[in-house]
Structure formats: structure tokens, C-alpha cells
C-alpha atoms as a PDB file:
ATOM      1  CA  MET A   1       0.137  -0.327  -0.488  1.00  0.00           C
ATOM      2  CA  LYS A   2       0.654   3.229  -0.669  1.00  0.00           C
ATOM      3  CA  THR A   3       0.775   4.346   2.503  1.00  0.00           C
ATOM      4  CA  ARG A   4       4.202   2.398   3.530  1.00  0.00           C
ATOM      5  CA  ILE A   5       5.629   3.467   0.317  1.00  0.00           C
ATOM      6  CA  THR A   6       7.649   6.621   1.748  1.00  0.00           C
ATOM      7  CA  LEU A   7       7.383   5.475   5.993  1.00  0.00           C
ATOM      8  CA  GLY A   8       4.310   7.032   5.937  1.00  0.00           C
ATOM      9  CA  LEU A   9       3.918   9.727   3.142  1.00  0.00           C
ATOM     10  CA  ALA A  10       0.234  10.149   3.152  1.00  0.00           C
ATOM     11  CA  GLY A  11       0.076  10.795   6.460  1.00  0.00           C
ATOM     12  CA  VAL A  12       2.607  12.919   6.660  1.00  0.00           C
ATOM     13  CA  VAL A  13       0.823  14.913   3.773  1.00  0.00           C
ATOM     14  CA  SER A  14      -2.634  15.007   5.412  1.00  0.00           C
ATOM     15  CA  CYS A  15      -0.691  16.108   8.587  1.00  0.00           C
ATOM     16  CA  ALA A  16       0.930  18.951   6.367  1.00  0.00           C
ATOM     17  CA  ALA A  17      -2.388  19.461   4.669  1.00  0.00           C
ATOM     18  CA  PHE A  18      -4.053  20.543   8.421  1.00  0.00           C
ATOM     19  CA  LEU A  19      -1.168  22.404   9.275  1.00  0.00           C
ATOM     20  CA  THR A  20      -1.337  24.751   6.118  1.00  0.00           C
ATOM     21  CA  ALA A  21      -5.399  25.407   6.496  1.00  0.00           C
ATOM     22  CA  VAL A  22      25.444  15.206 -11.766  1.00  0.00           C
ATOM     23  CA  ALA A  23      28.528  14.938 -10.213  1.00  0.00           C
ATOM     24  CA  VAL A  24      28.873  14.270  -7.272  1.00  0.00           C
ATOM     25  CA  THR A  25      29.822  17.748  -5.005  1.00  0.00           C
ATOM     26  CA  ARG A  26      33.560  16.538  -3.826  1.00  0.00           C
ATOM     27  CA  ASP A  27      34.251  16.715  -0.481  1.00  0.00           C
ATOM     28  CA  ASP A  28      37.653  18.066  -1.024  1.00  0.00           C
ATOM     29  CA  GLY A  29      36.923  20.155  -3.108  1.00  0.00           C
ATOM     30  CA  GLY A  30      39.358  18.616  -5.799  1.00  0.00           C
ATOM     31  CA  ALA A  31      38.223  14.499  -7.654  1.00  0.00           C
ATOM     32  CA  ALA A  32      38.662  13.180  -5.168  1.00  0.00           C
ATOM     33  CA  SER A  33      35.637  10.632  -5.827  1.00  0.00           C
ATOM     34  CA  ALA A  34      37.384  10.616  -9.639  1.00  0.00           C
ATOM     35  CA  LEU A  35      40.454   8.341  -8.725  1.00  0.00           C
ATOM     36  CA  LEU A  36      38.250   6.018  -6.703  1.00  0.00           C
ATOM     37  CA  THR A  37      38.590   2.377  -8.677  1.00  0.00           C
ATOM     38  CA  PRO A  38      35.268   0.650 -10.198  1.00  0.00           C
ATOM     39  CA  PRO A  39      34.841  -2.416  -7.942  1.00  0.00           C
ATOM     40  CA  ARG A  40      35.383  -6.020  -9.339  1.00  0.00           C
ATOM     41  CA  GLY A  41      31.336  -6.250 -10.400  1.00  0.00           C
ATOM     42  CA  PRO A  42      28.497  -4.822 -11.069  1.00  0.00           C
ATOM     43  CA  TYR A  43      27.602  -3.084  -7.869  1.00  0.00           C
ATOM     44  CA  VAL A  44      23.769  -3.545  -6.278  1.00  0.00           C
ATOM     45  CA  ALA A  45      21.959  -0.969  -4.812  1.00  0.00           C
ATOM     46  CA  LEU A  46      19.329  -2.190  -2.277  1.00  0.00           C
ATOM     47  CA  GLY A  47      17.137   0.152   0.203  1.00  0.00           C
ATOM     48  CA  ASP A  48      13.828   2.002   0.443  1.00  0.00           C
ATOM     49  CA  SER A  49      12.462   5.240  -0.011  1.00  0.00           C
ATOM     50  CA  TYR A  50      15.525   7.243   1.389  1.00  0.00           C
ATOM     51  CA  THR A  51      17.748   5.313  -1.521  1.00  0.00           C
ATOM     52  CA  ALA A  52      15.163   5.931  -3.897  1.00  0.00           C
ATOM     53  CA  GLY A  53      14.638   9.154  -4.288  1.00  0.00           C
ATOM     54  CA  PRO A  54      11.056   9.800  -4.572  1.00  0.00           C
ATOM     55  CA  ARG A  55       9.505  12.926  -6.592  1.00  0.00           C
ATOM     56  CA  ILE A  56      12.837  13.856  -6.737  1.00  0.00           C
ATOM     57  CA  PRO A  57      13.179  14.380 -10.424  1.00  0.00           C
ATOM     58  CA  GLY A  58      13.993  12.144 -12.672  1.00  0.00           C
ATOM     59  CA  GLN A  59      11.160   9.285 -11.373  1.00  0.00           C
ATOM     60  CA  ASN A  60      12.967   5.862 -13.655  1.00  0.00           C
ATOM     61  CA  GLY A  61      12.960   2.517 -12.914  1.00  0.00           C
ATOM     62  CA  LYS A  62      10.958  -0.485 -13.120  1.00  0.00           C
ATOM     63  CA  PRO A  63       7.736  -0.811 -11.306  1.00  0.00           C
ATOM     64  CA  PRO A  64       6.532   3.181 -11.155  1.00  0.00           C
ATOM     65  CA  GLY A  65       5.369   1.903  -7.683  1.00  0.00           C
ATOM     66  CA  CYS A  66       9.015   2.113  -6.900  1.00  0.00           C
ATOM     67  CA  ASP A  67       9.415   5.412  -7.199  1.00  0.00           C
ATOM     68  CA  ARG A  68      12.857   5.169  -8.006  1.00  0.00           C
ATOM     69  CA  SER A  69      14.722   8.989  -9.321  1.00  0.00           C
ATOM     70  CA  ASP A  70      17.790   8.743 -11.362  1.00  0.00           C
ATOM     71  CA  ARG A  71      19.466  11.428  -8.977  1.00  0.00           C
ATOM     72  CA  ASN A  72      19.636   8.991  -5.964  1.00  0.00           C
ATOM     73  CA  TYR A  73      22.358   8.753  -3.875  1.00  0.00           C
ATOM     74  CA  PRO A  74      22.940   4.413  -5.656  1.00  0.00           C
ATOM     75  CA  ALA A  75      23.006   6.710  -8.912  1.00  0.00           C
ATOM     76  CA  LEU A  76      25.532   9.346  -8.261  1.00  0.00           C
ATOM     77  CA  VAL A  77      27.827   6.875  -6.247  1.00  0.00           C
ATOM     78  CA  ALA A  78      27.350   4.767  -9.637  1.00  0.00           C
ATOM     79  CA  ASP A  79      28.731   8.154 -11.727  1.00  0.00           C
ATOM     80  CA  GLY A  80      31.728   8.443  -8.707  1.00  0.00           C
ATOM     81  CA  LEU A  81      32.335   5.184  -9.534  1.00  0.00           C
ATOM     82  CA  GLY A  82      32.593   5.703 -13.438  1.00  0.00           C
ATOM     83  CA  LEU A  83      30.410   2.051 -13.399  1.00  0.00           C
ATOM     84  CA  GLY A  84      27.887   2.295 -16.915  1.00  0.00           C
ATOM     85  CA  ALA A  85      24.542   0.783 -16.653  1.00  0.00           C
ATOM     86  CA  ALA A  86      25.135  -2.325 -17.031  1.00  0.00           C
ATOM     87  CA  LYS A  87      27.156  -2.308 -14.082  1.00  0.00           C
ATOM     88  CA  PHE A  88      25.164  -1.433 -11.455  1.00  0.00           C
ATOM     89  CA  ARG A  89      21.431  -1.707 -10.930  1.00  0.00           C
ATOM     90  CA  ASP A  90      19.693   0.038  -8.302  1.00  0.00           C
ATOM     91  CA  VAL A  91      16.226  -1.760  -7.262  1.00  0.00           C
ATOM     92  CA  SER A  92      15.569   0.040  -3.997  1.00  0.00           C
ATOM     93  CA  CYS A  93      12.090   0.907  -4.094  1.00  0.00           C
ATOM     94  CA  SER A  94      10.226   3.119  -1.145  1.00  0.00           C
ATOM     95  CA  GLY A  95       8.527   0.574   1.231  1.00  0.00           C
ATOM     96  CA  ALA A  96      10.390  -1.465   2.281  1.00  0.00           C
ATOM     97  CA  THR A  97      11.035  -3.464   4.652  1.00  0.00           C
ATOM     98  CA  VAL A  98      13.677  -6.011   5.166  1.00  0.00           C
ATOM     99  CA  ALA A  99      11.364  -8.857   4.445  1.00  0.00           C
ATOM    100  CA  ASP A 100      11.856  -6.944   1.413  1.00  0.00           C
ATOM    101  CA  LEU A 101      14.705  -7.748   0.556  1.00  0.00           C
ATOM    102  CA  SER A 102      14.089 -11.276  -0.075  1.00  0.00           C
ATOM    103  CA  ALA A 103       9.744 -11.224  -0.863  1.00  0.00           C
ATOM    104  CA  PRO A 104       8.746  -9.660  -3.777  1.00  0.00           C
ATOM    105  CA  GLN A 105       6.773  -6.504  -2.738  1.00  0.00           C
ATOM    106  CA  SER A 106       3.968  -4.988  -4.013  1.00  0.00           C
ATOM    107  CA  THR A 107       2.934  -1.318  -4.392  1.00  0.00           C
ATOM    108  CA  ASP A 108       0.673   1.181  -6.260  1.00  0.00           C
ATOM    109  CA  ASP A 109       1.671   0.474  -9.332  1.00  0.00           C
ATOM    110  CA  GLY A 110       3.908  -2.847  -9.013  1.00  0.00           C
ATOM    111  CA  VAL A 111       5.717  -4.845  -7.777  1.00  0.00           C
ATOM    112  CA  ASN A 112      10.152  -5.288  -7.195  1.00  0.00           C
ATOM    113  CA  PRO A 113      11.320  -8.763  -7.408  1.00  0.00           C
ATOM    114  CA  ALA A 114      12.877  -9.744  -3.913  1.00  0.00           C
ATOM    115  CA  GLN A 115      16.059  -7.317  -4.550  1.00  0.00           C
ATOM    116  CA  LEU A 116      17.925  -9.644  -2.858  1.00  0.00           C
ATOM    117  CA  ALA A 117      17.579 -11.465  -6.212  1.00  0.00           C
ATOM    118  CA  ALA A 118      20.268  -8.793  -8.249  1.00  0.00           C
ATOM    119  CA  VAL A 119      22.784  -9.840  -6.298  1.00  0.00           C
ATOM    120  CA  SER A 120      24.944 -12.618  -6.993  1.00  0.00           C
ATOM    121  CA  ALA A 121      28.591 -14.685  -7.190  1.00  0.00           C
ATOM    122  CA  ALA A 122      29.949 -11.514  -9.803  1.00  0.00           C
ATOM    123  CA  THR A 123      28.533  -8.545  -7.864  1.00  0.00           C
ATOM    124  CA  GLY A 124      31.191  -6.767  -6.414  1.00  0.00           C
ATOM    125  CA  LEU A 125      30.169  -3.435  -4.386  1.00  0.00           C
ATOM    126  CA  VAL A 126      26.266  -3.670  -2.567  1.00  0.00           C
ATOM    127  CA  THR A 127      24.847  -1.135  -0.074  1.00  0.00           C
ATOM    128  CA  VAL A 128      21.915  -1.639   1.924  1.00  0.00           C
ATOM    129  CA  GLY A 129      19.785   1.796   3.584  1.00  0.00           C
ATOM    130  CA  VAL A 130      16.335  -0.450   4.969  1.00  0.00           C
ATOM    131  CA  GLY A 131      15.087  -0.189   8.345  1.00  0.00           C
ATOM    132  CA  GLY A 132      12.398   3.229   8.785  1.00  0.00           C
ATOM    133  CA  ASN A 133       9.707   1.493   7.426  1.00  0.00           C
ATOM    134  CA  ASP A 134      10.718  -2.082  10.070  1.00  0.00           C
ATOM    135  CA  ILE A 135      10.353   0.401  12.570  1.00  0.00           C
ATOM    136  CA  GLY A 136       7.585   2.372  11.957  1.00  0.00           C
ATOM    137  CA  PHE A 137       9.452   5.527  11.929  1.00  0.00           C
ATOM    138  CA  GLY A 138       7.380   7.174   8.835  1.00  0.00           C
ATOM    139  CA  SER A 139       3.615   6.277  11.386  1.00  0.00           C
ATOM    140  CA  VAL A 140       5.434   7.212  13.799  1.00  0.00           C
ATOM    141  CA  ILE A 141       6.095  11.422  13.556  1.00  0.00           C
ATOM    142  CA  THR A 142       2.116  11.528  11.755  1.00  0.00           C
ATOM    143  CA  ALA A 143       1.685   9.889  14.757  1.00  0.00           C
ATOM    144  CA  CYS A 144       4.076  12.551  16.402  1.00  0.00           C
ATOM    145  CA  VAL A 145       3.049  15.303  14.240  1.00  0.00           C
ATOM    146  CA  LYS A 146      -1.379  14.967  15.411  1.00  0.00           C
ATOM    147  CA  ASP A 147       0.168  15.268  18.846  1.00  0.00           C
ATOM    148  CA  GLY A 148       1.843  17.758  18.051  1.00  0.00           C
ATOM    149  CA  VAL A 149      -0.335  20.432  16.612  1.00  0.00           C
ATOM    150  CA  ARG A 150      -3.689  18.839  19.665  1.00  0.00           C
ATOM    151  CA  TYR A 151      -0.901  20.513  21.730  1.00  0.00           C
ATOM    152  CA  ARG A 152      -0.434  23.677  19.936  1.00  0.00           C
ATOM    153  CA  MET A 153      -4.315  24.320  19.629  1.00  0.00           C
ATOM    154  CA  GLU A 154      -4.596  22.948  23.108  1.00  0.00           C
ATOM    155  CA  SER A 155      -1.759  24.510  24.443  1.00  0.00           C
ATOM    156  CA  ARG A 156      -1.360  27.506  22.366  1.00  0.00           C
ATOM    157  CA  PHE A 157       2.138  27.420  23.658  1.00  0.00           C
ATOM    158  CA  GLU A 158       5.127  28.339  21.412  1.00  0.00           C
ATOM    159  CA  ASP A 159       7.596  26.402  19.736  1.00  0.00           C
ATOM    160  CA  GLY A 160      10.086  25.820  22.440  1.00  0.00           C
ATOM    161  CA  THR A 161       8.024  27.474  25.818  1.00  0.00           C
ATOM    162  CA  LEU A 162       8.094  24.186  27.126  1.00  0.00           C
ATOM    163  CA  ASN A 163       9.371  20.457  26.563  1.00  0.00           C
ATOM    164  CA  ASP A 164       6.928  18.224  26.922  1.00  0.00           C
ATOM    165  CA  ALA A 165       7.177  15.483  24.795  1.00  0.00           C
ATOM    166  CA  PRO A 166       3.088  13.858  24.068  1.00  0.00           C
ATOM    167  CA  CYS A 167       4.287  11.445  21.514  1.00  0.00           C
ATOM    168  CA  ARG A 168       6.744  10.116  23.278  1.00  0.00           C
ATOM    169  CA  LYS A 169       3.920   8.934  26.529  1.00  0.00           C
ATOM    170  CA  ARG A 170       2.115   8.121  22.823  1.00  0.00           C
ATOM    171  CA  TYR A 171       5.570   4.919  23.097  1.00  0.00           C
ATOM    172  CA  VAL A 172       7.570   4.890  26.132  1.00  0.00           C
ATOM    173  CA  SER A 173       4.813   4.277  29.226  1.00  0.00           C
ATOM    174  CA  GLY A 174       5.460   1.921  32.011  1.00  0.00           C
ATOM    175  CA  GLY A 175       8.375   1.011  31.426  1.00  0.00           C
ATOM    176  CA  THR A 176       8.506  -0.257  27.924  1.00  0.00           C
ATOM    177  CA  ASP A 177       9.198   1.875  24.999  1.00  0.00           C
ATOM    178  CA  GLN A 178       7.447   0.248  21.817  1.00  0.00           C
ATOM    179  CA  VAL A 179       9.896   1.926  18.973  1.00  0.00           C
ATOM    180  CA  ALA A 180      13.325   0.198  20.611  1.00  0.00           C
ATOM    181  CA  ALA A 181      11.388  -3.077  21.080  1.00  0.00           C
ATOM    182  CA  ARG A 182      10.998  -2.399  17.246  1.00  0.00           C
ATOM    183  CA  ILE A 183      14.388  -1.051  16.609  1.00  0.00           C
ATOM    184  CA  ASP A 184      16.004  -4.707  18.087  1.00  0.00           C
ATOM    185  CA  ALA A 185      13.603  -7.010  15.967  1.00  0.00           C
ATOM    186  CA  ALA A 186      14.228  -5.295  13.594  1.00  0.00           C
ATOM    187  CA  GLY A 187      17.994  -5.615  13.192  1.00  0.00           C
ATOM    188  CA  GLY A 188      17.796  -9.462  13.979  1.00  0.00           C
ATOM    189  CA  ARG A 189      15.829  -9.491  10.410  1.00  0.00           C
ATOM    190  CA  LEU A 190      18.563  -7.500   8.949  1.00  0.00           C
ATOM    191  CA  SER A 191      21.934  -9.246  10.757  1.00  0.00           C
ATOM    192  CA  ALA A 192      20.243 -12.586   8.571  1.00  0.00           C
ATOM    193  CA  ALA A 193      19.672  -9.899   5.713  1.00  0.00           C
ATOM    194  CA  LEU A 194      23.261  -9.652   5.531  1.00  0.00           C
ATOM    195  CA  ARG A 195      24.235 -12.682   6.077  1.00  0.00           C
ATOM    196  CA  ASP A 196      22.084 -14.110   3.001  1.00  0.00           C
ATOM    197  CA  ILE A 197      24.729 -10.796   0.728  1.00  0.00           C
ATOM    198  CA  GLY A 198      27.416 -12.594   2.459  1.00  0.00           C
ATOM    199  CA  ARG A 199      26.255 -16.325   0.466  1.00  0.00           C
ATOM    200  CA  ARG A 200      25.336 -14.701  -3.115  1.00  0.00           C
ATOM    201  CA  ALA A 201      28.334 -12.350  -2.767  1.00  0.00           C
ATOM    202  CA  PRO A 202      30.847 -13.955  -1.060  1.00  0.00           C
ATOM    203  CA  GLU A 203      33.182 -11.513  -2.838  1.00  0.00           C
ATOM    204  CA  ALA A 204      31.258  -8.104  -2.322  1.00  0.00           C
ATOM    205  CA  ARG A 205      32.606  -4.508  -0.528  1.00  0.00           C
ATOM    206  CA  VAL A 206      28.759  -4.704   1.185  1.00  0.00           C
ATOM    207  CA  PHE A 207      27.824  -1.503   3.433  1.00  0.00           C
ATOM    208  CA  VAL A 208      24.871  -0.763   5.086  1.00  0.00           C
ATOM    209  CA  VAL A 209      23.775   3.267   5.140  1.00  0.00           C
ATOM    210  CA  GLY A 210      22.276   4.816   8.100  1.00  0.00           C
ATOM    211  CA  TYR A 211      19.600   7.522   7.131  1.00  0.00           C
ATOM    212  CA  PRO A 212      20.835  11.182   7.885  1.00  0.00           C
ATOM    213  CA  ALA A 213      19.358  14.054  10.604  1.00  0.00           C
ATOM    214  CA  ILE A 214      15.585  14.459  10.398  1.00  0.00           C
ATOM    215  CA  LEU A 215      15.433  16.919  12.980  1.00  0.00           C
ATOM    216  CA  PRO A 216      17.500  19.232  14.259  1.00  0.00           C
ATOM    217  CA  ASP A 217      19.421  18.880  17.556  1.00  0.00           C
ATOM    218  CA  ASP A 218      17.520  21.878  19.618  1.00  0.00           C
ATOM    219  CA  GLY A 219      13.197  21.036  18.799  1.00  0.00           C
ATOM    220  CA  ARG A 220      13.143  25.448  19.352  1.00  0.00           C
ATOM    221  CA  GLY A 221      11.931  27.010  15.609  1.00  0.00           C
ATOM    222  CA  CYS A 222      11.151  23.617  14.745  1.00  0.00           C
ATOM    223  CA  GLY A 223       7.225  23.753  15.073  1.00  0.00           C
ATOM    224  CA  ARG A 224       6.492  25.426  12.242  1.00  0.00           C
ATOM    225  CA  ALA A 225       8.485  22.824   9.641  1.00  0.00           C
ATOM    226  CA  THR A 226       7.379  19.527  11.559  1.00  0.00           C
ATOM    227  CA  GLY A 227       3.806  20.308  13.673  1.00  0.00           C
ATOM    228  CA  LEU A 228       6.641  18.206  16.670  1.00  0.00           C
ATOM    229  CA  ALA A 229       6.400  19.700  20.232  1.00  0.00           C
ATOM    230  CA  PRO A 230       9.638  20.238  21.299  1.00  0.00           C
ATOM    231  CA  GLY A 231      10.118  17.339  23.104  1.00  0.00           C
ATOM    232  CA  ASP A 232       9.336  14.758  20.924  1.00  0.00           C
ATOM    233  CA  VAL A 233      11.642  16.389  18.141  1.00  0.00           C
ATOM    234  CA  SER A 234      13.777  15.120  20.931  1.00  0.00           C
ATOM    235  CA  PHE A 235      12.329  11.798  20.787  1.00  0.00           C
ATOM    236  CA  LEU A 236      11.930  11.023  17.553  1.00  0.00           C
ATOM    237  CA  ARG A 237      15.832  12.401  16.832  1.00  0.00           C
ATOM    238  CA  GLU A 238      17.141   9.716  19.468  1.00  0.00           C
ATOM    239  CA  LYS A 239      14.380   6.925  18.549  1.00  0.00           C
ATOM    240  CA  GLU A 240      16.683   7.776  14.316  1.00  0.00           C
ATOM    241  CA  ARG A 241      20.016   7.654  16.383  1.00  0.00           C
ATOM    242  CA  GLN A 242      18.824   4.549  17.842  1.00  0.00           C
ATOM    243  CA  LEU A 243      18.064   3.115  14.207  1.00  0.00           C
ATOM    244  CA  ASN A 244      21.050   3.649  12.798  1.00  0.00           C
ATOM    245  CA  THR A 245      22.821   2.105  15.853  1.00  0.00           C
ATOM    246  CA  MET A 246      21.722  -1.076  15.340  1.00  0.00           C
ATOM    247  CA  LEU A 247      22.649  -0.529  11.207  1.00  0.00           C
ATOM    248  CA  ARG A 248      25.876  -0.064  12.466  1.00  0.00           C
ATOM    249  CA  ASP A 249      26.367  -2.945  14.903  1.00  0.00           C
ATOM    250  CA  SER A 250      24.804  -5.536  12.475  1.00  0.00           C
ATOM    251  CA  ALA A 251      26.994  -3.947   9.903  1.00  0.00           C
ATOM    252  CA  LYS A 252      30.161  -4.954  12.387  1.00  0.00           C
ATOM    253  CA  ALA A 253      28.249  -7.733  13.424  1.00  0.00           C
ATOM    254  CA  ALA A 254      28.254  -8.752   9.719  1.00  0.00           C
ATOM    255  CA  GLY A 255      32.354  -7.617   8.859  1.00  0.00           C
ATOM    256  CA  ALA A 256      30.024  -5.643   6.163  1.00  0.00           C
ATOM    257  CA  GLY A 257      31.548  -1.465   6.685  1.00  0.00           C
ATOM    258  CA  TYR A 258      28.874   1.451   7.869  1.00  0.00           C
ATOM    259  CA  VAL A 259      28.173   4.612   5.832  1.00  0.00           C
ATOM    260  CA  ASP A 260      27.485   7.821   8.792  1.00  0.00           C
ATOM    261  CA  THR A 261      25.386   9.672   6.506  1.00  0.00           C
ATOM    262  CA  TYR A 262      24.182  11.088  10.231  1.00  0.00           C
ATOM    263  CA  THR A 263      27.626  13.231  11.179  1.00  0.00           C
ATOM    264  CA  PRO A 264      27.622  15.553   7.963  1.00  0.00           C
ATOM    265  CA  SER A 265      23.445  15.697   7.429  1.00  0.00           C
ATOM    266  CA  ALA A 266      23.664  17.864  10.885  1.00  0.00           C
ATOM    267  CA  GLY A 267      22.624  20.912  10.612  1.00  0.00           C
ATOM    268  CA  HIS A 268      20.944  19.841   7.470  1.00  0.00           C
ATOM    269  CA  ASP A 269      17.641  18.215   8.626  1.00  0.00           C
ATOM    270  CA  ALA A 270      14.227  19.177   8.193  1.00  0.00           C
ATOM    271  CA  CYS A 271      14.162  22.236  10.392  1.00  0.00           C
ATOM    272  CA  ALA A 272      17.133  23.882   8.467  1.00  0.00           C
ATOM    273  CA  ASP A 273      16.916  26.710   5.897  1.00  0.00           C
ATOM    274  CA  LYS A 274      15.711  25.666   2.510  1.00  0.00           C
ATOM    275  CA  ASP A 275      18.859  26.658   0.593  1.00  0.00           C
ATOM    276  CA  VAL A 276      21.296  24.438   2.795  1.00  0.00           C
ATOM    277  CA  ARG A 277      18.920  21.682   4.236  1.00  0.00           C
ATOM    278  CA  TRP A 278      18.998  17.519   2.282  1.00  0.00           C
ATOM    279  CA  ILE A 279      15.913  17.053   4.310  1.00  0.00           C
ATOM    280  CA  GLU A 280      11.996  18.689   3.151  1.00  0.00           C
ATOM    281  CA  PRO A 281      10.126  19.455   5.607  1.00  0.00           C
ATOM    282  CA  LEU A 282       6.437  18.802   5.720  1.00  0.00           C
ATOM    283  CA  ILE A 283       5.345  21.082   2.829  1.00  0.00           C
ATOM    284  CA  PRO A 284       8.082  20.671   0.797  1.00  0.00           C
ATOM    285  CA  ALA A 285       9.588  23.497  -0.678  1.00  0.00           C
ATOM    286  CA  ALA A 286      12.602  21.357  -3.354  1.00  0.00           C
ATOM    287  CA  PRO A 287      10.373  17.939  -5.459  1.00  0.00           C
ATOM    288  CA  ALA A 288      11.161  15.552  -2.987  1.00  0.00           C
ATOM    289  CA  ALA A 289       8.856  13.564  -0.480  1.00  0.00           C
ATOM    290  CA  SER A 290       7.071  14.595   2.611  1.00  0.00           C
ATOM    291  CA  MET A 291      10.485  14.697   5.825  1.00  0.00           C
ATOM    292  CA  HIS A 292      12.656  12.743   2.791  1.00  0.00           C
ATOM    293  CA  PRO A 293      15.995  13.575   1.326  1.00  0.00           C
ATOM    294  CA  ASN A 294      16.144  16.258  -1.816  1.00  0.00           C
ATOM    295  CA  GLU A 295      18.306  15.998  -4.452  1.00  0.00           C
ATOM    296  CA  ARG A 296      21.019  17.937  -1.534  1.00  0.00           C
ATOM    297  CA  GLY A 297      20.466  14.992   0.492  1.00  0.00           C
ATOM    298  CA  GLU A 298      21.179  12.189  -2.244  1.00  0.00           C
ATOM    299  CA  ARG A 299      24.101  13.783  -3.267  1.00  0.00           C
ATOM    300  CA  GLY A 300      25.077  14.792   1.045  1.00  0.00           C
ATOM    301  CA  MET A 301      24.179  10.712   0.966  1.00  0.00           C
ATOM    302  CA  ALA A 302      26.318   9.213  -2.773  1.00  0.00           C
ATOM    303  CA  GLN A 303      29.822  11.744  -0.604  1.00  0.00           C
ATOM    304  CA  ALA A 304      29.433  10.212   2.538  1.00  0.00           C
ATOM    305  CA  VAL A 305      29.111   6.315   0.355  1.00  0.00           C
ATOM    306  CA  LEU A 306      31.913   7.265  -1.953  1.00  0.00           C
ATOM    307  CA  ARG A 307      34.352   8.202   1.480  1.00  0.00           C
ATOM    308  CA  ALA A 308      33.674   4.677   2.795  1.00  0.00           C
ATOM    309  CA  VAL A 309      34.005   2.912  -0.341  1.00  0.00           C
ATOM    310  CA  ARG A 310      37.662   5.040  -0.435  1.00  0.00           C
ATOM    311  CA  ALA A 311      38.074   4.607   2.829  1.00  0.00           C
ATOM    312  CA  ALA A 312      37.875   0.330   2.626  1.00  0.00           C
ATOM    313  CA  ARG A 313      39.858  -0.190  -0.592  1.00  0.00           C
END
């Protein structure tokens, strides 16, 4: 279903409506990425909407329901490595969970084959960007936005006046953290998927790609962009960091690399100025899905992947 396809996009967009009632950029100023030697075999990109790049032009690939952009980070990484079409396969799909790596995924416009079917003994490089849909991060954000809107209407407080976190209370109570439990469960599934990749492509370099910073360290001034109560900005940021920690730990345990996109994206979150942000807010100002990377964000993620590939050689 489409609501799952972009981390709960339909629900987030509905909240937005309610609130309103290539070249990879090089990190060292030179041609560093051009110095990267291509992998011995094809590059296969696996992942969800943060990998696919929904609504970033131009949208291409099959099925159309995966909302895959030809300017997403896998495409930019392939370009940075000098890989032509014959040596690059992007099978990422918006809405994908870890389970969709090994089974067909239905979308509103076609079925995406099991992503792991693209990985073989000939594969030289694999990137994996998945996990957010396993913990229902989109639905969590949607619920938190609704709680934030209600909070602001009832309290009439401006951003940062209080540190209330109504959505945290929804998911954390009685010593039980529902989101943390989902993250732990997703970690087990990802570990199994990484072992499968290792069996399919024993000679490939494998990198798990983390999620960029969606929200800022300081929740003040973030209400208009996200609709969240100030304390829930901190709550969601904490959950994203926990998710990235799980991804990093799973990668390490499997002997894979981990690509940190969170650190370089600090200050480029959905609440940052439109000229610098990597993540679009509830009401995007650039072609991108709500609360998802824009083209600048995909370039930044590609840059991080290329750094990791370079460091591993």
C-alpha cells in the first residue's frame, strides 16, 4: 500500500495539509571521487525510500511504484565510480522493509522483485539502506505530528516554551519503549539479510547506509516545519539515533561497512533553511517527498558512501 511506500508519506502529507488550513559534490574540493577505482563486479543498491529518492526528478525504473530517482545516491555513487549501466543495478523501492529484500514487494503501481535477486557471485559492491519501515518510523512521525498539532492548539504555547513530549508518552510508558523494541527486532532481521548477501556475493564489498539527520539537536523553531511538540523533536531524534546504532552494530557483526550519513547531515535537517537542508519538511519546497531527502540530501549521502568506499580500499 502506498502509505508504507515512503515511510508513511500519505499520513504525513495529510498532516501538512492540516497545518496549512550530476556530479557528486566532492568533500575535499578536488577530484577525489574520480580517483576511486571501480569495484571488480557490478554495484547493486538495495533499500527503501531514502535510497530510492521519491519525487526527485527524474523518476525512472520499474516498477513505477518504487518512486526511484535517477539522481538518488546509488546513481551518484555509480557515477562517482565510473560505472556504466551494465555494471549498476538500483533495485531500491520506496516502502521496502528488510523482508522485501528477500520477497517480492507490492506497490500501488507494480511489483518489485525480491531485491536480493539482483545480488550474485559476480557482484562487487552492495549498499543496503533499510530499516525505517520496519520500525514504522513514518507512522510514528505522523502520530507525533498529530499529537503536536493538538498540543499547540490546546496549550497555545510557541516553539520551545515547554519541553512537553505528548508523543513520547504514546510510545514510552510503564518501562516499555515500543519503538526501541521494534528496532531490536529489525536488527535480527537485518543480520539475517546481511548473512544472505554474504552467501550470495562472497567477494563483494557490503555497506549498510545509515539515515541522515531528519531533525535538529534543538527543537526550538521546528514547530512550523514539522508540527511537532518541542520535546517530541528530541524523542524522534533519539529514536533515529537508536536506529542508526542498530544499523551500525548489525553491519559490524556481519563484517560489512557502515556509512554514517547522520554526522555530515547535521545542520541540514528538515528545520534548516531551504537553501542548505538535505531533508524536506512537511510541506516540501523542493521536489522530494515530505520528510525525505531532497536532491541535495541524496548528493550528501552519495558523498558519504564514496568516502566509505575509498577508505575501505
